[in-house]
């Protein structure tokens, strides 16, 4: 009695070992997404720092309440003054009496009794909007405010502004370079992964040609599966990134300040589009290649 031979599995058009393909694409997109997360948090950190760039406008002594109100209204009207989410100018007023109390509480030294008077001045602290934080504009803003009637002096940390601008430029350049290199690596990796997966289907493609199947009919299942695998891989990579981010937030509470759900969702969308697009065009290129090869070249 003859032993029964195991039946060979029939290959379906467009079917290939998808687990290894999805794993490879997920890993590639995860690497790209990790860089994207780093860029998002760097941008958020830069924004938080820039939002705290301040300029102190010290007033002359014995200034009247009417003059002080007038100066505040003038400050609120300038476009270089940052606004909050409600459109209100970010301006704080610190009276000299309040400043003296704070100084005494922090140092324990009552300089008012020693000097016989309060040498401090009333001050408006204004936040400068990001687009006006170049060195030239900050200097121009200080000169403009210095010319206001009732203003004694305008101060800001010039070195801080210069350092922020230099570091933002460096970070943007470094992340941009890494992103470009990583995108090229990801495209090549996904392209080679799909190319190797389709290599096992080359004779099936040839068989479909021999029975009269149109090229568009042969391409369709490959393109559809590649897009699907790209989307699934992007979602898996996004899930891993969210898990990594939540773990980091739970371990380092300060990172919560850099959290931006809108940008993270945008990153997920970019990964989905990128995974689907690279999968589609890689499959299209590979299938077109095998459609044009002769039988001898297939071997």
Protein backbone atom coordinates (compact mmCIF):
# COMPACT_ATOMS: atom_id res chain seq x y z
CA UNK A 1 0.00 0.00 0.00
CA UNK A 2 1.44 3.29 -1.05
CA UNK A 3 1.99 5.98 1.51
CA UNK A 4 -0.09 9.06 0.92
CA UNK A 5 1.96 12.05 -0.19
CA UNK A 6 1.27 15.42 1.50
CA UNK A 7 -0.59 17.75 -0.78
CA UNK A 8 1.41 20.74 -1.95
CA UNK A 9 -0.23 24.02 -1.12
CA UNK A 10 -1.35 25.93 -4.16
CA UNK A 11 0.01 29.40 -4.50
CA UNK A 12 -2.56 32.12 -4.97
CA UNK A 13 -1.85 35.18 -7.07
CA UNK A 14 -0.58 37.95 -4.81
CA UNK A 15 -0.01 35.66 -1.83
CA UNK A 16 3.43 35.55 -0.23
CA UNK A 17 4.88 35.14 3.30
CA UNK A 18 3.20 38.25 4.68
CA UNK A 19 4.32 37.83 8.33
CA UNK A 20 7.99 38.48 7.55
CA UNK A 21 7.00 41.32 5.21
CA UNK A 22 4.78 43.00 7.81
CA UNK A 23 7.47 42.55 10.48
CA UNK A 24 10.15 44.13 8.30
CA UNK A 25 7.97 47.06 7.26
CA UNK A 26 6.82 47.59 10.87
CA UNK A 27 10.42 47.72 12.07
CA UNK A 28 11.38 50.20 9.34
CA UNK A 29 8.38 52.47 10.02
CA UNK A 30 8.98 52.23 13.79
CA UNK A 31 12.50 53.59 13.31
CA UNK A 32 11.16 56.44 11.20
CA UNK A 33 8.35 57.09 13.68
CA UNK A 34 10.82 57.20 16.59
CA UNK A 35 12.71 59.95 14.80
CA UNK A 36 9.40 61.71 14.19
CA UNK A 37 8.58 61.52 17.91
CA UNK A 38 11.98 63.00 18.72
CA UNK A 39 11.30 65.84 16.30
CA UNK A 40 7.85 66.47 17.82
CA UNK A 41 9.20 66.63 21.37
CA UNK A 42 12.11 68.83 20.27
CA UNK A 43 9.68 71.20 18.56
CA UNK A 44 7.44 71.29 21.62
CA UNK A 45 10.42 71.97 23.89
CA UNK A 46 11.59 74.77 21.62
CA UNK A 47 8.09 76.26 21.62
CA UNK A 48 7.89 76.17 25.43
CA UNK A 49 11.25 77.95 25.68
CA UNK A 50 10.28 80.55 23.08
CA UNK A 51 6.97 81.19 24.82
CA UNK A 52 8.95 82.27 27.89
CA UNK A 53 11.15 84.80 26.13
CA UNK A 54 10.36 87.97 28.07
CA UNK A 55 11.17 91.66 27.96
CA UNK A 56 11.02 93.85 31.07
CA UNK A 57 9.73 97.38 30.60
CA UNK A 58 10.69 99.43 33.69
CA UNK A 59 8.66 102.59 34.33
CA UNK A 60 9.84 105.96 35.60
CA UNK A 61 9.30 106.72 39.26
CA UNK A 62 6.27 108.74 40.37
CA UNK A 63 4.47 107.86 37.12
CA UNK A 64 0.71 108.53 37.24
CA UNK A 65 -1.93 105.81 37.05
CA UNK A 66 -3.23 107.32 33.80
CA UNK A 67 0.22 107.09 32.21
CA UNK A 68 0.63 103.49 33.40
CA UNK A 69 -2.74 102.50 31.92
CA UNK A 70 -1.84 104.24 28.66
CA UNK A 71 1.46 102.35 28.42
CA UNK A 72 -0.32 99.04 29.04
CA UNK A 73 -2.82 99.75 26.26
CA UNK A 74 0.02 100.64 23.92
CA UNK A 75 1.80 97.38 24.76
CA UNK A 76 -1.37 95.36 24.18
CA UNK A 77 -1.66 96.84 20.69
CA UNK A 78 1.77 95.75 19.45
CA UNK A 79 1.81 92.67 17.20
CA UNK A 80 5.12 91.48 18.64
CA UNK A 81 3.49 90.83 22.03
CA UNK A 82 2.49 87.15 22.31
CA UNK A 83 -1.19 86.26 22.77
CA UNK A 84 -2.74 83.39 24.71
CA UNK A 85 -5.35 80.97 23.32
CA UNK A 86 -8.07 83.56 24.05
CA UNK A 87 -6.28 86.32 22.14
CA UNK A 88 -5.26 88.23 25.28
CA UNK A 89 -1.83 89.83 25.29
CA UNK A 90 0.64 88.11 27.63
CA UNK A 91 1.54 91.07 29.82
CA UNK A 92 2.17 90.98 33.56
CA UNK A 93 2.44 94.04 35.79
CA UNK A 94 4.62 93.93 38.91
CA UNK A 95 4.43 96.93 41.25
CA UNK A 96 7.61 97.95 43.01
CA UNK A 97 6.05 97.23 46.43
CA UNK A 98 5.21 93.67 45.37
CA UNK A 99 8.72 93.19 43.93
CA UNK A 100 10.24 94.39 47.22
CA UNK A 101 8.14 91.96 49.28
CA UNK A 102 9.16 89.07 47.03
CA UNK A 103 12.85 90.00 47.25
CA UNK A 104 12.74 90.31 51.05
CA UNK A 105 10.91 86.98 51.37
CA UNK A 106 13.47 85.21 49.20
CA UNK A 107 16.63 86.78 50.68
CA UNK A 108 15.55 87.61 54.22
CA UNK A 109 17.14 91.07 53.89
CA UNK A 110 14.98 94.16 54.31
CA UNK A 111 16.80 96.56 51.99
CA UNK A 112 13.95 99.10 52.23
CA UNK A 113 14.66 99.75 55.91
CA UNK A 114 18.40 99.89 55.25
CA UNK A 115 18.13 102.36 52.35
CA UNK A 116 15.16 104.26 53.69
CA UNK A 117 13.29 103.91 50.39
CA UNK A 118 12.30 101.35 47.78
CA UNK A 119 14.78 101.65 44.85
CA UNK A 120 12.84 99.23 42.66
CA UNK A 121 10.57 100.33 39.82
CA UNK A 122 7.19 99.27 38.53
CA UNK A 123 7.63 96.93 35.58
CA UNK A 124 5.61 95.43 32.76
CA UNK A 125 6.80 91.93 31.76
CA UNK A 126 5.79 91.14 28.19
CA UNK A 127 6.16 87.88 26.27
CA UNK A 128 7.49 88.21 22.73
CA UNK A 129 5.84 86.10 20.00
CA UNK A 130 8.00 83.47 18.27
CA UNK A 131 8.11 85.14 14.85
CA UNK A 132 9.64 88.30 16.36
CA UNK A 133 12.43 86.61 18.32
CA UNK A 134 15.30 87.21 15.93
CA UNK A 135 18.22 89.20 17.30
CA UNK A 136 17.55 92.17 15.01
CA UNK A 137 13.83 92.33 15.82
CA UNK A 138 14.38 92.00 19.56
CA UNK A 139 16.80 94.93 19.44
CA UNK A 140 14.30 96.96 17.38
CA UNK A 141 11.47 96.13 19.80
CA UNK A 142 13.59 97.24 22.78
CA UNK A 143 14.37 100.52 21.01
CA UNK A 144 10.70 101.10 20.22
CA UNK A 145 9.62 100.50 23.81
CA UNK A 146 12.45 102.63 25.15
CA UNK A 147 10.97 105.58 23.27
CA UNK A 148 7.58 105.38 24.99
CA UNK A 149 6.75 108.27 27.33
CA UNK A 150 7.07 107.11 30.94
CA UNK A 151 9.43 104.19 30.20
CA UNK A 152 12.73 104.30 32.08
CA UNK A 153 14.51 101.22 30.74
CA UNK A 154 13.91 98.07 28.68
CA UNK A 155 15.80 94.86 29.42
CA UNK A 156 15.91 91.34 28.05
CA UNK A 157 18.39 88.46 28.11
CA UNK A 158 20.09 88.97 24.77
CA UNK A 159 22.35 85.92 25.08
CA UNK A 160 19.31 83.68 25.69
CA UNK A 161 17.67 84.79 22.44
CA UNK A 162 20.88 84.23 20.50
CA UNK A 163 21.36 80.77 22.06
CA UNK A 164 17.77 79.75 21.29
CA UNK A 165 18.07 80.78 17.64
CA UNK A 166 21.41 78.99 17.23
CA UNK A 167 20.18 75.80 18.88
CA UNK A 168 16.91 75.74 16.93
CA UNK A 169 18.88 76.01 13.68
CA UNK A 170 21.26 73.21 14.74
CA UNK A 171 18.47 70.89 15.89
CA UNK A 172 16.50 71.46 12.68
CA UNK A 173 19.58 70.75 10.56
CA UNK A 174 20.54 67.58 12.48
CA UNK A 175 17.01 66.14 12.59
CA UNK A 176 16.47 67.04 8.93
CA UNK A 177 19.66 65.19 7.96
CA UNK A 178 18.77 62.13 10.02
CA UNK A 179 15.23 62.15 8.62
CA UNK A 180 16.49 62.26 5.03
CA UNK A 181 18.94 59.40 5.60
CA UNK A 182 16.37 57.31 7.47
CA UNK A 183 13.67 57.85 4.82
CA UNK A 184 16.08 56.59 2.14
CA UNK A 185 17.00 53.57 4.31
CA UNK A 186 13.31 52.80 4.98
CA UNK A 187 12.39 53.05 1.30
CA UNK A 188 15.26 50.74 0.29
CA UNK A 189 14.48 48.26 3.10
CA UNK A 190 10.75 48.05 2.31
CA UNK A 191 11.43 47.89 -1.41
CA UNK A 192 13.90 45.00 -0.99
CA UNK A 193 11.56 43.18 1.41
CA UNK A 194 8.67 43.27 -1.05
CA UNK A 195 10.96 42.48 -3.95
CA UNK A 196 12.22 39.32 -2.21
CA UNK A 197 8.68 38.33 -1.28
CA UNK A 198 7.50 38.65 -4.88
CA UNK A 199 10.47 36.66 -6.15
CA UNK A 200 8.66 33.44 -5.15
CA UNK A 201 5.68 34.50 -7.27
CA UNK A 202 7.55 35.07 -10.51
CA UNK A 203 6.59 31.73 -12.11
CA UNK A 204 2.95 32.17 -11.10
CA UNK A 205 2.99 35.56 -12.79
CA UNK A 206 4.40 33.91 -15.88
CA UNK A 207 1.73 31.19 -15.77
CA UNK A 208 -1.02 33.84 -15.59
CA UNK A 209 0.46 35.55 -18.63
CA UNK A 210 0.46 32.27 -20.55
CA UNK A 211 -3.26 31.70 -19.94
CA UNK A 212 -4.04 35.17 -21.27
CA UNK A 213 -4.46 37.22 -18.07
CA UNK A 214 -4.07 40.97 -18.59
CA UNK A 215 -1.24 42.79 -16.86
CA UNK A 216 -3.72 44.91 -14.87
CA UNK A 217 -5.44 41.75 -13.59
CA UNK A 218 -2.10 40.27 -12.49
CA UNK A 219 -0.96 43.47 -10.80
CA UNK A 220 -4.17 44.10 -8.84
CA UNK A 221 -3.84 41.50 -6.02
CA UNK A 222 -0.15 42.30 -5.51
CA UNK A 223 -0.81 46.03 -5.23
CA UNK A 224 -3.81 45.55 -2.96
CA UNK A 225 -1.95 43.26 -0.57
CA UNK A 226 1.11 45.51 -0.49
CA UNK A 227 -1.01 48.54 0.41
CA UNK A 228 -2.81 46.51 3.07
CA UNK A 229 0.48 45.25 4.52
CA UNK A 230 1.86 48.80 4.52
CA UNK A 231 -1.19 50.13 6.42
CA UNK A 232 -1.15 47.26 8.94
CA UNK A 233 2.58 47.74 9.50
CA UNK A 234 2.13 51.48 10.02
CA UNK A 235 -0.62 50.89 12.59
CA UNK A 236 1.52 48.32 14.42
CA UNK A 237 4.50 50.70 14.42
CA UNK A 238 2.24 53.51 15.70
CA UNK A 239 0.94 51.30 18.51
CA UNK A 240 4.51 50.49 19.55
CA UNK A 241 5.40 54.19 19.48
CA UNK A 242 2.41 55.12 21.65
CA UNK A 243 3.33 52.40 24.13
CA UNK A 244 6.92 53.67 24.23
CA UNK A 245 5.75 57.26 24.69
CA UNK A 246 3.30 56.39 27.49
CA UNK A 247 6.01 54.42 29.28
CA UNK A 248 8.39 57.38 29.03
CA UNK A 249 5.67 59.76 30.32
CA UNK A 250 5.01 57.47 33.29
CA UNK A 251 8.70 57.30 34.17
CA UNK A 252 9.53 60.98 33.63
CA UNK A 253 6.67 63.26 34.67
CA UNK A 254 8.24 66.37 33.12
CA UNK A 255 7.86 64.84 29.65
CA UNK A 256 4.10 65.37 29.98
CA UNK A 257 4.77 69.03 29.16
CA UNK A 258 6.06 67.98 25.74
CA UNK A 259 3.06 65.79 24.95
CA UNK A 260 1.15 66.81 21.82
CA UNK A 261 -1.63 64.41 20.79
CA UNK A 262 -2.45 66.31 17.60
CA UNK A 263 1.09 66.02 16.27
CA UNK A 264 1.23 62.36 17.30
CA UNK A 265 -1.96 61.64 15.33
CA UNK A 266 -0.45 63.51 12.38
CA UNK A 267 2.65 61.29 12.69
CA UNK A 268 0.42 58.19 12.57
CA UNK A 269 -1.21 59.51 9.40
CA UNK A 270 2.19 60.14 7.82
CA UNK A 271 3.34 56.60 8.67
CA UNK A 272 0.15 55.09 7.21
CA UNK A 273 0.46 57.08 3.98
CA UNK A 274 4.18 56.34 3.74
CA UNK A 275 3.75 52.60 4.39
CA UNK A 276 0.92 52.28 1.87
CA UNK A 277 2.71 54.39 -0.76
CA UNK A 278 6.06 52.62 -0.51
CA UNK A 279 4.33 49.23 -0.55
CA UNK A 280 2.28 50.17 -3.61
CA UNK A 281 5.13 51.53 -5.70
CA UNK A 282 7.58 48.80 -4.64
CA UNK A 283 5.10 46.11 -5.68
CA UNK A 284 4.29 47.92 -8.90
CA UNK A 285 7.96 48.12 -9.80
CA UNK A 286 8.65 44.47 -8.96
CA UNK A 287 5.56 43.08 -10.74
CA UNK A 288 6.27 45.15 -13.84
CA UNK A 289 9.80 43.76 -13.84
CA UNK A 290 8.61 40.13 -13.76
CA UNK A 291 5.94 40.82 -16.36
CA UNK A 292 8.65 41.89 -18.81
CA UNK A 293 11.12 39.04 -18.16
CA UNK A 294 11.36 36.07 -20.48
CA UNK A 295 11.15 32.49 -19.17
CA UNK A 296 14.94 32.08 -19.37
CA UNK A 297 15.46 35.31 -17.41
CA UNK A 298 13.02 34.12 -14.73
CA UNK A 299 15.31 31.18 -14.03
